[in-house]
Amino acid sequence: MITRRGLVTGCAAVILTGGSSKFQAYDGPQVTRVIISKSKRRIYLMHHDRVLRHYRIGLGFRPQGDKRYRGDGRTPEGRYWIDRRNPNSRYHLSLGISYPSQRDVAEARALGKHPGGDIFIHGQAGQNRGKGQDWTAGCIAVRDRDIEQIYAMVEDGTEVYILP
């Protein structure tokens, strides 16, 4: 669990270089997992138990509760992985999350629904103007400059924990 003390004392030096490109280089400790706290509206990039970076996030337009099916406006909860990246995302840059899991599929089918898919950590690219903090269909949104750093730091295969 991430504590206030962990956020204050766990920060590490992170070296990101960019320039005018949206693609940055990262030369620092490996991000070993990503923790997303829906209730705190934060994403934490972790090196084991140490917080390397953290950012504010926006969620699905119905942020309370676990995603159950396509179109419910919720962001999933559980353990996933970064399984793809999109450098040409209409949301600036995006990292794919391995939703739906077998459990997610079974829960949706039990409701007679499709689980949905295409859950990403992504930028905004002007997409949420006037929509408030929680505006996605279930994705995790950050500022464009933040997704540039996250995209550089997080590798495919990194574990992602999405907490209530």
N, C-alpha and C. Protein backbone atom coordinates (compact mmCIF):
# COMPACT_ATOMS: atom_id res chain seq x y z
N MET A 1 0.84 -1.17 0.00
CA MET A 1 0.00 0.00 0.00
C MET A 1 0.89 1.24 0.00
N ILE A 2 0.49 2.24 -0.69
CA ILE A 2 1.26 3.47 -0.76
C ILE A 2 0.84 4.36 0.40
N THR A 3 1.82 4.79 1.17
CA THR A 3 1.55 5.68 2.29
C THR A 3 2.02 7.07 1.97
N ARG A 4 1.55 8.03 2.74
CA ARG A 4 2.01 9.40 2.56
C ARG A 4 3.53 9.46 2.73
N ARG A 5 4.04 8.73 3.69
CA ARG A 5 5.48 8.69 3.92
C ARG A 5 6.19 8.15 2.69
N GLY A 6 5.63 7.12 2.07
CA GLY A 6 6.24 6.55 0.87
C GLY A 6 6.31 7.54 -0.27
N LEU A 7 5.31 8.40 -0.36
CA LEU A 7 5.33 9.41 -1.41
C LEU A 7 6.37 10.48 -1.14
N VAL A 8 6.55 10.83 0.13
CA VAL A 8 7.48 11.88 0.48
C VAL A 8 8.91 11.37 0.46
N THR A 9 9.16 10.21 1.03
CA THR A 9 10.53 9.71 1.15
C THR A 9 10.93 8.79 0.02
N GLY A 10 9.99 8.33 -0.78
CA GLY A 10 10.31 7.35 -1.80
C GLY A 10 10.65 7.92 -3.15
N CYS A 11 10.72 9.22 -3.29
CA CYS A 11 10.98 9.82 -4.60
C CYS A 11 12.42 9.55 -5.02
N ALA A 12 12.59 9.35 -6.31
CA ALA A 12 13.91 9.08 -6.86
C ALA A 12 14.19 10.08 -7.96
N ALA A 13 15.44 10.25 -8.28
CA ALA A 13 15.80 11.11 -9.39
C ALA A 13 15.40 10.44 -10.69
N VAL A 14 14.71 11.17 -11.53
CA VAL A 14 14.25 10.65 -12.81
C VAL A 14 14.77 11.59 -13.88
N ILE A 15 15.46 11.04 -14.86
CA ILE A 15 16.02 11.86 -15.92
C ILE A 15 15.25 11.58 -17.20
N LEU A 16 14.53 12.59 -17.65
CA LEU A 16 13.78 12.51 -18.89
C LEU A 16 14.29 13.60 -19.81
N THR A 17 14.54 13.24 -21.07
CA THR A 17 14.97 14.24 -22.03
C THR A 17 14.02 14.22 -23.20
N GLY A 18 13.79 15.36 -23.76
CA GLY A 18 12.80 15.40 -24.82
C GLY A 18 13.18 16.34 -25.94
N GLY A 19 12.89 17.61 -25.78
CA GLY A 19 13.01 18.54 -26.87
C GLY A 19 11.62 18.84 -27.37
N SER A 20 11.47 19.01 -28.66
CA SER A 20 10.16 19.36 -29.20
C SER A 20 9.33 18.13 -29.56
N SER A 21 9.89 16.96 -29.52
CA SER A 21 9.17 15.73 -29.86
C SER A 21 8.34 15.25 -28.69
N LYS A 22 7.26 14.56 -28.98
CA LYS A 22 6.47 13.96 -27.91
C LYS A 22 7.13 12.70 -27.37
N PHE A 23 8.16 12.22 -28.04
CA PHE A 23 8.88 11.02 -27.61
C PHE A 23 10.10 11.42 -26.80
N GLN A 24 10.12 11.00 -25.55
CA GLN A 24 11.20 11.33 -24.65
C GLN A 24 12.08 10.10 -24.42
N ALA A 25 13.29 10.35 -23.99
CA ALA A 25 14.19 9.28 -23.57
C ALA A 25 14.17 9.23 -22.06
N TYR A 26 14.32 8.03 -21.52
CA TYR A 26 14.33 7.86 -20.06
C TYR A 26 15.58 7.11 -19.66
N ASP A 27 16.29 7.66 -18.69
CA ASP A 27 17.50 7.03 -18.17
C ASP A 27 17.40 7.06 -16.65
N GLY A 28 16.77 6.03 -16.11
CA GLY A 28 16.58 5.98 -14.66
C GLY A 28 16.20 4.57 -14.25
N PRO A 29 15.80 4.41 -12.99
CA PRO A 29 15.43 3.09 -12.50
C PRO A 29 14.24 2.52 -13.29
N GLN A 30 14.23 1.22 -13.46
CA GLN A 30 13.14 0.55 -14.18
C GLN A 30 11.83 0.71 -13.41
N VAL A 31 10.77 1.01 -14.15
CA VAL A 31 9.43 0.98 -13.55
C VAL A 31 9.02 -0.48 -13.47
N THR A 32 8.90 -1.01 -12.26
CA THR A 32 8.59 -2.41 -12.06
C THR A 32 7.09 -2.67 -11.94
N ARG A 33 6.32 -1.63 -11.63
CA ARG A 33 4.86 -1.75 -11.61
C ARG A 33 4.24 -0.37 -11.62
N VAL A 34 2.99 -0.36 -12.04
CA VAL A 34 2.19 0.87 -12.08
C VAL A 34 1.02 0.64 -11.15
N ILE A 35 0.79 1.59 -10.25
CA ILE A 35 -0.36 1.51 -9.36
C ILE A 35 -1.27 2.69 -9.67
N ILE A 36 -2.53 2.38 -9.92
CA ILE A 36 -3.53 3.40 -10.19
C ILE A 36 -4.53 3.37 -9.04
N SER A 37 -4.64 4.49 -8.35
CA SER A 37 -5.62 4.62 -7.26
C SER A 37 -6.77 5.46 -7.77
N LYS A 38 -7.90 4.81 -8.01
CA LYS A 38 -9.07 5.52 -8.51
C LYS A 38 -9.57 6.54 -7.48
N SER A 39 -9.60 6.15 -6.21
CA SER A 39 -10.12 7.04 -5.17
C SER A 39 -9.24 8.27 -4.97
N LYS A 40 -7.93 8.12 -5.13
CA LYS A 40 -7.01 9.25 -4.97
C LYS A 40 -6.80 10.01 -6.28
N ARG A 41 -7.31 9.45 -7.38
CA ARG A 41 -7.12 10.03 -8.71
C ARG A 41 -5.63 10.25 -8.99
N ARG A 42 -4.84 9.17 -8.77
CA ARG A 42 -3.40 9.22 -8.98
C ARG A 42 -2.91 7.94 -9.65
N ILE A 43 -1.87 8.10 -10.45
CA ILE A 43 -1.12 6.98 -11.00
C ILE A 43 0.29 7.10 -10.45
N TYR A 44 0.82 5.97 -9.98
CA TYR A 44 2.15 5.91 -9.39
C TYR A 44 3.02 4.99 -10.23
N LEU A 45 4.18 5.48 -10.63
CA LEU A 45 5.17 4.66 -11.31
C LEU A 45 6.18 4.22 -10.26
N MET A 46 6.27 2.91 -10.07
CA MET A 46 7.04 2.35 -8.95
C MET A 46 8.30 1.63 -9.42
N HIS A 47 9.33 1.73 -8.63
CA HIS A 47 10.50 0.86 -8.75
C HIS A 47 10.50 0.04 -7.46
N HIS A 48 9.97 -1.16 -7.55
CA HIS A 48 9.71 -2.00 -6.37
C HIS A 48 8.79 -1.23 -5.42
N ASP A 49 9.24 -0.87 -4.21
CA ASP A 49 8.38 -0.15 -3.26
C ASP A 49 8.61 1.36 -3.25
N ARG A 50 9.37 1.85 -4.19
CA ARG A 50 9.72 3.27 -4.23
C ARG A 50 8.94 3.98 -5.34
N VAL A 51 8.32 5.09 -5.02
CA VAL A 51 7.60 5.89 -6.02
C VAL A 51 8.62 6.70 -6.81
N LEU A 52 8.64 6.47 -8.13
CA LEU A 52 9.52 7.26 -9.00
C LEU A 52 8.83 8.55 -9.42
N ARG A 53 7.59 8.43 -9.83
CA ARG A 53 6.79 9.59 -10.28
C ARG A 53 5.33 9.30 -9.97
N HIS A 54 4.54 10.36 -9.81
CA HIS A 54 3.10 10.20 -9.69
C HIS A 54 2.42 11.36 -10.40
N TYR A 55 1.21 11.09 -10.89
CA TYR A 55 0.48 12.05 -11.70
C TYR A 55 -1.00 12.01 -11.34
N ARG A 56 -1.69 13.10 -11.58
CA ARG A 56 -3.15 13.15 -11.45
C ARG A 56 -3.77 12.47 -12.66
N ILE A 57 -4.94 11.86 -12.44
CA ILE A 57 -5.61 11.14 -13.52
C ILE A 57 -7.09 11.51 -13.58
N GLY A 58 -7.66 11.23 -14.72
CA GLY A 58 -9.11 11.22 -14.91
C GLY A 58 -9.51 9.80 -15.25
N LEU A 59 -10.76 9.47 -14.98
CA LEU A 59 -11.25 8.09 -15.16
C LEU A 59 -12.45 8.07 -16.09
N GLY A 60 -13.11 6.92 -16.12
CA GLY A 60 -14.35 6.79 -16.86
C GLY A 60 -15.42 7.71 -16.30
N PHE A 61 -16.44 8.01 -17.10
CA PHE A 61 -17.45 8.99 -16.69
C PHE A 61 -18.33 8.50 -15.54
N ARG A 62 -18.27 7.22 -15.18
CA ARG A 62 -18.90 6.68 -13.96
C ARG A 62 -17.80 5.99 -13.16
N PRO A 63 -17.01 6.76 -12.43
CA PRO A 63 -15.77 6.22 -11.85
C PRO A 63 -15.96 5.25 -10.68
N GLN A 64 -17.10 5.26 -10.02
CA GLN A 64 -17.28 4.39 -8.86
C GLN A 64 -17.54 2.95 -9.30
N GLY A 65 -16.81 2.01 -8.69
CA GLY A 65 -17.03 0.60 -8.97
C GLY A 65 -16.17 0.07 -10.09
N ASP A 66 -16.14 -1.25 -10.18
CA ASP A 66 -15.35 -1.97 -11.17
C ASP A 66 -16.09 -2.00 -12.51
N LYS A 67 -15.36 -1.97 -13.60
CA LYS A 67 -15.96 -2.11 -14.92
C LYS A 67 -16.61 -3.48 -15.03
N ARG A 68 -17.83 -3.53 -15.51
CA ARG A 68 -18.56 -4.79 -15.66
C ARG A 68 -18.81 -5.16 -17.12
N TYR A 69 -19.01 -4.15 -17.97
CA TYR A 69 -19.32 -4.43 -19.37
C TYR A 69 -19.07 -3.18 -20.22
N ARG A 70 -18.98 -3.40 -21.54
CA ARG A 70 -18.77 -2.31 -22.49
C ARG A 70 -19.88 -1.27 -22.35
N GLY A 71 -19.46 -0.02 -22.27
CA GLY A 71 -20.42 1.08 -22.23
C GLY A 71 -20.85 1.51 -20.84
N ASP A 72 -20.34 0.85 -19.79
CA ASP A 72 -20.79 1.23 -18.44
C ASP A 72 -20.06 2.46 -17.89
N GLY A 73 -19.05 2.96 -18.60
CA GLY A 73 -18.35 4.18 -18.20
C GLY A 73 -17.44 4.03 -17.00
N ARG A 74 -17.16 2.79 -16.61
CA ARG A 74 -16.31 2.56 -15.45
C ARG A 74 -14.91 2.15 -15.87
N THR A 75 -13.96 2.43 -15.00
CA THR A 75 -12.58 2.01 -15.19
C THR A 75 -12.40 0.69 -14.45
N PRO A 76 -11.79 -0.32 -15.08
CA PRO A 76 -11.64 -1.62 -14.41
C PRO A 76 -10.78 -1.54 -13.16
N GLU A 77 -10.92 -2.55 -12.32
CA GLU A 77 -10.10 -2.71 -11.12
C GLU A 77 -9.49 -4.11 -11.16
N GLY A 78 -8.26 -4.22 -10.71
CA GLY A 78 -7.60 -5.52 -10.67
C GLY A 78 -6.17 -5.44 -11.14
N ARG A 79 -5.63 -6.62 -11.44
CA ARG A 79 -4.23 -6.75 -11.87
C ARG A 79 -4.19 -6.99 -13.37
N TYR A 80 -3.43 -6.16 -14.04
CA TYR A 80 -3.30 -6.24 -15.49
C TYR A 80 -1.83 -6.01 -15.87
N TRP A 81 -1.55 -5.89 -17.17
CA TRP A 81 -0.22 -5.62 -17.69
C TRP A 81 -0.32 -4.59 -18.80
N ILE A 82 0.77 -3.89 -19.03
CA ILE A 82 0.88 -3.05 -20.22
C ILE A 82 1.15 -4.03 -21.36
N ASP A 83 0.25 -4.07 -22.34
CA ASP A 83 0.39 -5.08 -23.40
C ASP A 83 0.56 -4.50 -24.81
N ARG A 84 0.53 -3.17 -24.93
CA ARG A 84 0.73 -2.56 -26.25
C ARG A 84 0.89 -1.06 -26.07
N ARG A 85 1.36 -0.42 -27.11
CA ARG A 85 1.50 1.04 -27.09
C ARG A 85 1.08 1.59 -28.44
N ASN A 86 0.55 2.80 -28.41
CA ASN A 86 0.09 3.44 -29.63
C ASN A 86 0.73 4.81 -29.75
N PRO A 87 1.77 4.93 -30.60
CA PRO A 87 2.42 6.23 -30.77
C PRO A 87 1.59 7.21 -31.59
N ASN A 88 0.54 6.70 -32.25
CA ASN A 88 -0.32 7.53 -33.11
C ASN A 88 -1.72 7.69 -32.53
N SER A 89 -1.85 7.58 -31.22
CA SER A 89 -3.15 7.67 -30.57
C SER A 89 -3.81 9.02 -30.81
N ARG A 90 -5.12 9.02 -30.95
CA ARG A 90 -5.83 10.30 -31.05
C ARG A 90 -5.82 11.03 -29.71
N TYR A 91 -5.34 10.35 -28.67
CA TYR A 91 -5.17 10.94 -27.34
C TYR A 91 -3.69 11.19 -27.06
N HIS A 92 -2.95 11.61 -28.06
CA HIS A 92 -1.54 11.98 -28.01
C HIS A 92 -0.63 10.75 -28.03
N LEU A 93 -0.55 10.01 -26.94
CA LEU A 93 0.16 8.74 -26.84
C LEU A 93 -0.66 7.85 -25.93
N SER A 94 -0.54 6.53 -26.08
CA SER A 94 -1.30 5.66 -25.17
C SER A 94 -0.59 4.33 -24.95
N LEU A 95 -0.82 3.81 -23.73
CA LEU A 95 -0.31 2.50 -23.32
C LEU A 95 -1.51 1.60 -23.05
N GLY A 96 -1.58 0.46 -23.73
CA GLY A 96 -2.69 -0.46 -23.56
C GLY A 96 -2.58 -1.29 -22.30
N ILE A 97 -3.73 -1.49 -21.67
CA ILE A 97 -3.84 -2.33 -20.48
C ILE A 97 -4.53 -3.63 -20.89
N SER A 98 -4.10 -4.75 -20.34
CA SER A 98 -4.54 -6.08 -20.79
C SER A 98 -5.99 -6.44 -20.41
N TYR A 99 -6.83 -5.47 -20.18
CA TYR A 99 -8.26 -5.71 -19.94
C TYR A 99 -8.90 -6.16 -21.24
N PRO A 100 -9.80 -7.14 -21.25
CA PRO A 100 -10.37 -7.85 -20.12
C PRO A 100 -9.60 -9.12 -19.76
N SER A 101 -9.57 -9.43 -18.49
CA SER A 101 -9.01 -10.71 -18.03
C SER A 101 -10.08 -11.79 -18.20
N GLN A 102 -9.73 -13.03 -17.96
CA GLN A 102 -10.72 -14.11 -18.02
C GLN A 102 -11.84 -13.88 -17.01
N ARG A 103 -11.48 -13.37 -15.84
CA ARG A 103 -12.48 -13.06 -14.81
C ARG A 103 -13.44 -11.98 -15.30
N ASP A 104 -12.89 -10.94 -15.95
CA ASP A 104 -13.72 -9.85 -16.48
C ASP A 104 -14.70 -10.36 -17.53
N VAL A 105 -14.21 -11.24 -18.41
CA VAL A 105 -15.06 -11.82 -19.45
C VAL A 105 -16.19 -12.63 -18.82
N ALA A 106 -15.86 -13.46 -17.84
CA ALA A 106 -16.87 -14.29 -17.18
C ALA A 106 -17.92 -13.44 -16.48
N GLU A 107 -17.49 -12.36 -15.81
CA GLU A 107 -18.45 -11.49 -15.12
C GLU A 107 -19.40 -10.81 -16.10
N ALA A 108 -18.87 -10.34 -17.21
CA ALA A 108 -19.71 -9.68 -18.21
C ALA A 108 -20.69 -10.68 -18.84
N ARG A 109 -20.21 -11.86 -19.18
CA ARG A 109 -21.08 -12.88 -19.78
C ARG A 109 -22.19 -13.30 -18.83
N ALA A 110 -21.88 -13.36 -17.52
CA ALA A 110 -22.91 -13.70 -16.53
C ALA A 110 -24.04 -12.67 -16.52
N LEU A 111 -23.72 -11.44 -16.95
CA LEU A 111 -24.72 -10.37 -17.04
C LEU A 111 -25.35 -10.31 -18.44
N GLY A 112 -24.91 -11.21 -19.32
CA GLY A 112 -25.40 -11.19 -20.70
C GLY A 112 -24.83 -10.04 -21.51
N LYS A 113 -23.65 -9.58 -21.14
CA LYS A 113 -23.03 -8.41 -21.77
C LYS A 113 -21.66 -8.76 -22.34
N HIS A 114 -21.13 -7.85 -23.15
CA HIS A 114 -19.76 -7.92 -23.67
C HIS A 114 -18.86 -7.15 -22.70
N PRO A 115 -17.66 -7.66 -22.38
CA PRO A 115 -16.82 -6.97 -21.40
C PRO A 115 -16.21 -5.66 -21.90
N GLY A 116 -16.16 -5.47 -23.20
CA GLY A 116 -15.48 -4.30 -23.75
C GLY A 116 -14.00 -4.57 -23.86
N GLY A 117 -13.25 -3.55 -24.09
CA GLY A 117 -11.81 -3.68 -24.25
C GLY A 117 -11.22 -2.31 -24.53
N ASP A 118 -10.04 -2.30 -25.09
CA ASP A 118 -9.35 -1.05 -25.43
C ASP A 118 -9.28 -0.08 -24.27
N ILE A 119 -8.81 -0.58 -23.12
CA ILE A 119 -8.56 0.27 -21.97
C ILE A 119 -7.11 0.72 -22.04
N PHE A 120 -6.89 2.02 -21.97
CA PHE A 120 -5.56 2.60 -22.12
C PHE A 120 -5.27 3.62 -21.03
N ILE A 121 -3.99 3.84 -20.80
CA ILE A 121 -3.51 5.04 -20.13
C ILE A 121 -3.15 5.98 -21.28
N HIS A 122 -3.76 7.14 -21.32
CA HIS A 122 -3.53 8.01 -22.48
C HIS A 122 -3.56 9.49 -22.09
N GLY A 123 -3.15 10.31 -23.06
CA GLY A 123 -3.19 11.75 -22.89
C GLY A 123 -4.59 12.28 -23.19
N GLN A 124 -4.66 13.59 -23.38
CA GLN A 124 -5.95 14.23 -23.61
C GLN A 124 -6.11 14.75 -25.03
N ALA A 125 -5.04 15.34 -25.56
CA ALA A 125 -5.07 15.91 -26.92
C ALA A 125 -6.32 16.74 -27.15
N GLY A 126 -6.72 17.50 -26.13
CA GLY A 126 -7.88 18.38 -26.26
C GLY A 126 -9.22 17.67 -26.20
N GLN A 127 -9.24 16.36 -25.96
CA GLN A 127 -10.47 15.57 -26.03
C GLN A 127 -11.43 15.82 -24.88
N ASN A 128 -10.96 16.34 -23.73
CA ASN A 128 -11.86 16.46 -22.59
C ASN A 128 -12.27 17.89 -22.29
N ARG A 129 -12.05 18.79 -23.18
CA ARG A 129 -12.40 20.19 -22.92
C ARG A 129 -13.87 20.32 -22.54
N GLY A 130 -14.08 20.86 -21.35
CA GLY A 130 -15.44 21.10 -20.89
C GLY A 130 -16.16 19.88 -20.35
N LYS A 131 -15.49 18.73 -20.25
CA LYS A 131 -16.15 17.49 -19.83
C LYS A 131 -15.90 17.17 -18.36
N GLY A 132 -15.07 17.92 -17.65
CA GLY A 132 -14.77 17.63 -16.26
C GLY A 132 -13.62 16.66 -16.12
N GLN A 133 -13.41 16.20 -14.88
CA GLN A 133 -12.26 15.35 -14.58
C GLN A 133 -12.42 13.93 -15.12
N ASP A 134 -13.58 13.33 -14.96
CA ASP A 134 -13.81 11.95 -15.36
C ASP A 134 -14.65 11.94 -16.63
N TRP A 135 -14.02 11.68 -17.75
CA TRP A 135 -14.68 11.87 -19.04
C TRP A 135 -14.47 10.72 -20.02
N THR A 136 -13.59 9.77 -19.69
CA THR A 136 -13.29 8.71 -20.65
C THR A 136 -14.39 7.64 -20.63
N ALA A 137 -14.28 6.69 -21.53
CA ALA A 137 -15.22 5.56 -21.56
C ALA A 137 -14.78 4.45 -20.60
N GLY A 138 -13.66 4.66 -19.88
CA GLY A 138 -13.14 3.67 -18.94
C GLY A 138 -11.63 3.70 -18.85
N CYS A 139 -11.01 4.52 -19.66
CA CYS A 139 -9.55 4.64 -19.67
C CYS A 139 -9.06 5.51 -18.52
N ILE A 140 -7.75 5.59 -18.41
CA ILE A 140 -7.09 6.45 -17.45
C ILE A 140 -6.43 7.57 -18.24
N ALA A 141 -6.85 8.81 -18.00
CA ALA A 141 -6.35 9.96 -18.76
C ALA A 141 -5.42 10.80 -17.90
N VAL A 142 -4.35 11.27 -18.52
CA VAL A 142 -3.40 12.18 -17.89
C VAL A 142 -3.14 13.33 -18.86
N ARG A 143 -2.47 14.36 -18.39
CA ARG A 143 -2.10 15.46 -19.29
C ARG A 143 -1.14 14.94 -20.36
N ASP A 144 -1.13 15.59 -21.51
CA ASP A 144 -0.26 15.16 -22.60
C ASP A 144 1.20 15.13 -22.18
N ARG A 145 1.66 16.14 -21.46
CA ARG A 145 3.07 16.14 -21.04
C ARG A 145 3.36 15.00 -20.07
N ASP A 146 2.34 14.57 -19.30
CA ASP A 146 2.53 13.45 -18.38
C ASP A 146 2.59 12.12 -19.13
N ILE A 147 1.75 11.92 -20.15
CA ILE A 147 1.79 10.66 -20.90
C ILE A 147 3.12 10.55 -21.66
N GLU A 148 3.71 11.66 -22.03
CA GLU A 148 5.01 11.61 -22.68
C GLU A 148 6.05 10.99 -21.74
N GLN A 149 6.01 11.37 -20.46
CA GLN A 149 6.94 10.81 -19.48
C GLN A 149 6.60 9.35 -19.20
N ILE A 150 5.32 9.06 -18.98
CA ILE A 150 4.89 7.70 -18.68
C ILE A 150 5.24 6.76 -19.83
N TYR A 151 4.98 7.19 -21.05
CA TYR A 151 5.26 6.40 -22.26
C TYR A 151 6.74 6.05 -22.34
N ALA A 152 7.61 7.01 -21.96
CA ALA A 152 9.06 6.78 -22.00
C ALA A 152 9.51 5.84 -20.88
N MET A 153 8.86 5.91 -19.74
CA MET A 153 9.33 5.18 -18.56
C MET A 153 8.80 3.76 -18.44
N VAL A 154 7.59 3.50 -18.93
CA VAL A 154 6.92 2.22 -18.70
C VAL A 154 7.08 1.31 -19.91
N GLU A 155 7.60 0.12 -19.67
CA GLU A 155 7.83 -0.85 -20.74
C GLU A 155 6.63 -1.79 -20.88
N ASP A 156 6.48 -2.36 -22.07
CA ASP A 156 5.49 -3.41 -22.27
C ASP A 156 5.78 -4.55 -21.29
N GLY A 157 4.74 -5.16 -20.75
CA GLY A 157 4.89 -6.24 -19.79
C GLY A 157 4.89 -5.79 -18.35
N THR A 158 4.91 -4.49 -18.09
CA THR A 158 4.89 -3.96 -16.73
C THR A 158 3.54 -4.25 -16.07
N GLU A 159 3.56 -4.73 -14.83
CA GLU A 159 2.32 -4.97 -14.09
C GLU A 159 1.61 -3.67 -13.78
N VAL A 160 0.27 -3.74 -13.85
CA VAL A 160 -0.57 -2.58 -13.54
C VAL A 160 -1.61 -3.04 -12.52
N TYR A 161 -1.67 -2.34 -11.40
CA TYR A 161 -2.69 -2.61 -10.36
C TYR A 161 -3.63 -1.42 -10.34
N ILE A 162 -4.90 -1.68 -10.61
CA ILE A 162 -5.91 -0.62 -10.56
C ILE A 162 -6.73 -0.87 -9.31
N LEU A 163 -6.60 0.06 -8.36
CA LEU A 163 -7.25 -0.05 -7.06
C LEU A 163 -8.52 0.83 -7.01
N PRO A 164 -9.50 0.40 -6.20
CA PRO A 164 -10.71 1.24 -6.07
C PRO A 164 -10.39 2.65 -5.61
